[in-house]
Amino acid sequence: MRTFDELEALWRASPPAPLHAGSVRVIVVRKGDGVHETPARAEISPEHGLHGDRWEIGLDPDRQGQVTLMNARAAELIADGAPLDLPGDNLVVDFDLSAAALPIGSRVRLGSALLEVSPMPHNGCRKFAARFGQDALRWVNWKEHRDRRLRGINCRVVEAGRVGVGDRCQIE
């Protein structure tokens, strides 16, 4: 597990993610308790979020956390060689998720689906700390990094569609 300072140094030394358009690197269907499937393609809808994901079971009525996205560069630094599904986000994207690039309410097209960035923060939790260590948790949640959104973002689904690994993601 990397230290806070190692993560920060690696982040600063690595090239930034694409700003206005990028791509989907990994799709993660969370089945529960660390069980993840990584299909090449998936359906997304306002009614079900990412089809087959555990979100369907609970169906949060406000739908602000239907689909989660994490920046691939942050995921790679934290995972340190482990599979990129380990953080547990639905979509790992090579795309800038910072608050400057995607303010709350921004819309992102991923494949044919359209998502909207929700105001609900996406913070690291106990499971995240157990997988990657306290330093990684502190790094993603640190208030000085909040606008970077290192842990990712929560989105609600605006338009149903299909998304696949390698599909373009872009701001609408």
Protein backbone atom coordinates (compact mmCIF):
# COMPACT_ATOMS: atom_id res chain seq x y z
CA MET A 1 0.00 0.00 0.00
CA ARG A 2 1.26 3.41 -0.92
CA THR A 3 1.69 6.24 1.55
CA PHE A 4 -0.10 9.57 1.33
CA ASP A 5 3.13 11.27 0.20
CA GLU A 6 3.82 8.61 -2.44
CA LEU A 7 0.32 8.94 -3.85
CA GLU A 8 0.59 12.72 -3.97
CA ALA A 9 4.01 12.65 -5.65
CA LEU A 10 2.84 10.13 -8.24
CA TRP A 11 -0.31 12.16 -8.93
CA ARG A 12 1.69 15.34 -9.48
CA ALA A 13 4.20 13.54 -11.75
CA SER A 14 1.65 11.79 -13.95
CA PRO A 15 0.02 13.38 -17.00
CA PRO A 16 -3.48 14.77 -16.46
CA ALA A 17 -6.58 12.97 -17.66
CA PRO A 18 -8.26 14.17 -20.85
CA LEU A 19 -10.33 17.25 -20.11
CA HIS A 20 -13.33 17.28 -22.46
CA ALA A 21 -13.44 13.74 -23.83
CA GLY A 22 -11.94 10.44 -22.76
CA SER A 23 -12.80 6.76 -22.66
CA VAL A 24 -14.28 4.03 -20.49
CA ARG A 25 -11.54 1.74 -19.17
CA VAL A 26 -13.45 -0.68 -16.90
CA ILE A 27 -17.12 -1.45 -16.23
CA VAL A 28 -17.84 -2.87 -12.77
CA VAL A 29 -21.10 -4.56 -11.81
CA ARG A 30 -21.01 -4.86 -8.02
CA LYS A 31 -22.82 -8.01 -6.93
CA GLY A 32 -22.15 -7.46 -3.22
CA ASP A 33 -19.44 -7.84 -0.56
CA GLY A 34 -16.48 -7.41 -2.88
CA VAL A 35 -17.90 -9.59 -5.66
CA HIS A 36 -17.46 -7.69 -8.92
CA GLU A 37 -18.09 -8.58 -12.54
CA THR A 38 -16.29 -6.68 -15.29
CA PRO A 39 -18.31 -7.06 -18.50
CA ALA A 40 -17.20 -5.56 -21.80
CA ARG A 41 -20.62 -3.91 -22.25
CA ALA A 42 -23.53 -2.99 -19.97
CA GLU A 43 -26.95 -1.36 -19.99
CA ILE A 44 -27.65 1.78 -17.97
CA SER A 45 -31.13 3.18 -17.29
CA PRO A 46 -32.86 5.72 -15.03
CA GLU A 47 -34.92 2.91 -13.52
CA HIS A 48 -32.09 0.50 -12.70
CA GLY A 49 -28.79 2.39 -12.84
CA LEU A 50 -26.12 -0.02 -14.13
CA HIS A 51 -28.14 -3.16 -14.84
CA GLY A 52 -27.24 -6.04 -12.53
CA ASP A 53 -25.45 -3.78 -10.02
CA ARG A 54 -26.31 -3.94 -6.32
CA TRP A 55 -27.81 -0.42 -6.58
CA GLU A 56 -30.86 -2.06 -8.22
CA ILE A 57 -31.60 -3.93 -5.00
CA GLY A 58 -31.77 -0.86 -2.75
CA LEU A 59 -33.15 1.62 -5.27
CA ASP A 60 -32.41 4.90 -3.52
CA PRO A 61 -35.45 7.06 -4.31
CA ASP A 62 -33.48 10.24 -5.06
CA ARG A 63 -31.21 8.34 -7.52
CA GLN A 64 -28.25 10.63 -6.87
CA GLY A 65 -25.85 7.72 -6.47
CA GLN A 66 -27.11 5.42 -9.23
CA VAL A 67 -23.77 5.18 -11.04
CA THR A 68 -20.29 5.95 -9.70
CA LEU A 69 -17.29 7.01 -11.77
CA MET A 70 -13.62 7.04 -10.81
CA ASN A 71 -10.70 8.55 -12.68
CA ALA A 72 -8.45 5.78 -14.05
CA ARG A 73 -5.23 7.55 -13.08
CA ALA A 74 -6.33 7.86 -9.43
CA ALA A 75 -7.54 4.24 -9.44
CA GLU A 76 -4.22 3.01 -10.85
CA LEU A 77 -2.19 4.91 -8.25
CA ILE A 78 -4.30 3.62 -5.38
CA ALA A 79 -4.65 0.04 -6.66
CA ASP A 80 -0.85 -0.19 -7.21
CA GLY A 81 -1.10 -3.08 -9.67
CA ALA A 82 -4.31 -4.63 -8.34
CA PRO A 83 -7.29 -4.89 -10.74
CA LEU A 84 -9.10 -1.60 -11.35
CA ASP A 85 -12.45 -3.06 -10.29
CA LEU A 86 -11.18 -3.25 -6.69
CA PRO A 87 -12.23 0.33 -5.72
CA GLY A 88 -15.80 -0.72 -6.56
CA ASP A 89 -16.84 2.12 -8.86
CA ASN A 90 -19.19 1.28 -11.74
CA LEU A 91 -17.10 3.00 -14.39
CA VAL A 92 -13.38 3.66 -14.33
CA VAL A 93 -12.75 6.35 -16.93
CA ASP A 94 -9.77 8.05 -18.50
CA PHE A 95 -11.40 11.43 -18.05
CA ASP A 96 -11.06 14.49 -15.80
CA LEU A 97 -13.68 14.25 -13.04
CA SER A 98 -12.54 17.33 -11.11
CA ALA A 99 -15.06 19.91 -9.93
CA ALA A 100 -13.49 22.43 -12.34
CA ALA A 101 -14.08 20.13 -15.33
CA LEU A 102 -17.46 18.72 -14.21
CA PRO A 103 -19.39 20.98 -11.86
CA ILE A 104 -22.50 19.56 -10.19
CA GLY A 105 -25.23 19.25 -12.81
CA SER A 106 -22.79 18.65 -15.69
CA ARG A 107 -23.82 15.95 -18.11
CA VAL A 108 -21.53 13.27 -19.45
CA ARG A 109 -22.24 10.96 -22.37
CA LEU A 110 -20.74 7.49 -21.92
CA GLY A 111 -21.45 5.32 -24.94
CA SER A 112 -25.13 6.05 -25.64
CA ALA A 113 -26.08 6.69 -21.97
CA LEU A 114 -26.27 10.18 -20.49
CA LEU A 115 -25.35 10.78 -16.82
CA GLU A 116 -25.58 13.90 -14.66
CA VAL A 117 -23.09 14.71 -11.90
CA SER A 118 -25.00 14.72 -8.61
CA PRO A 119 -24.31 16.90 -5.57
CA MET A 120 -23.90 13.79 -3.39
CA PRO A 121 -20.19 13.52 -2.49
CA HIS A 122 -18.38 10.25 -3.18
CA ASN A 123 -16.02 9.65 -0.28
CA GLY A 124 -13.80 6.78 0.69
CA CYS A 125 -15.14 4.53 3.46
CA ARG A 126 -14.10 1.62 5.73
CA LYS A 127 -14.10 -0.84 2.82
CA PHE A 128 -11.86 1.50 0.83
CA ALA A 129 -9.45 1.80 3.79
CA ALA A 130 -9.42 -1.99 4.26
CA ARG A 131 -8.51 -2.50 0.59
CA PHE A 132 -5.97 0.29 0.13
CA GLY A 133 -4.91 1.52 3.59
CA GLN A 134 -5.54 4.56 5.76
CA ASP A 135 -3.10 6.72 3.77
CA ALA A 136 -5.04 6.12 0.54
CA LEU A 137 -8.29 6.91 2.35
CA ARG A 138 -6.79 10.11 3.76
CA TRP A 139 -5.43 11.06 0.32
CA VAL A 140 -8.78 10.73 -1.49
CA ASN A 141 -10.78 12.38 1.31
CA TRP A 142 -8.32 15.17 2.22
CA LYS A 143 -10.12 18.53 2.16
CA GLU A 144 -7.26 20.11 0.17
CA HIS A 145 -7.96 17.56 -2.62
CA ARG A 146 -11.75 17.71 -2.52
CA ASP A 147 -12.07 19.53 -5.86
CA ARG A 148 -9.90 16.87 -7.54
CA ARG A 149 -12.57 14.25 -6.71
CA LEU A 150 -9.93 11.56 -6.35
CA ARG A 151 -12.47 9.06 -4.99
CA GLY A 152 -14.75 9.78 -7.94
CA ILE A 153 -18.25 11.11 -8.46
CA ASN A 154 -21.85 10.01 -8.04
CA CYS A 155 -24.20 10.40 -10.98
CA ARG A 156 -27.84 9.95 -11.80
CA VAL A 157 -28.94 8.49 -15.12
CA VAL A 158 -30.68 10.95 -17.44
CA GLU A 159 -30.96 8.82 -20.60
CA ALA A 160 -30.78 5.05 -20.90
CA GLY A 161 -28.16 3.51 -23.13
CA ARG A 162 -25.33 1.02 -23.55
CA VAL A 163 -21.76 1.58 -22.49
CA GLY A 164 -18.75 -0.49 -23.41
CA VAL A 165 -15.08 -0.64 -22.55
CA GLY A 166 -13.31 1.72 -24.93
CA ASP A 167 -16.42 3.84 -25.53
CA ARG A 168 -15.97 7.58 -25.64
CA CYS A 169 -17.04 9.70 -22.67
CA GLN A 170 -17.54 13.39 -23.19
CA ILE A 171 -19.16 16.42 -21.68
CA GLU A 172 -22.52 17.26 -23.25
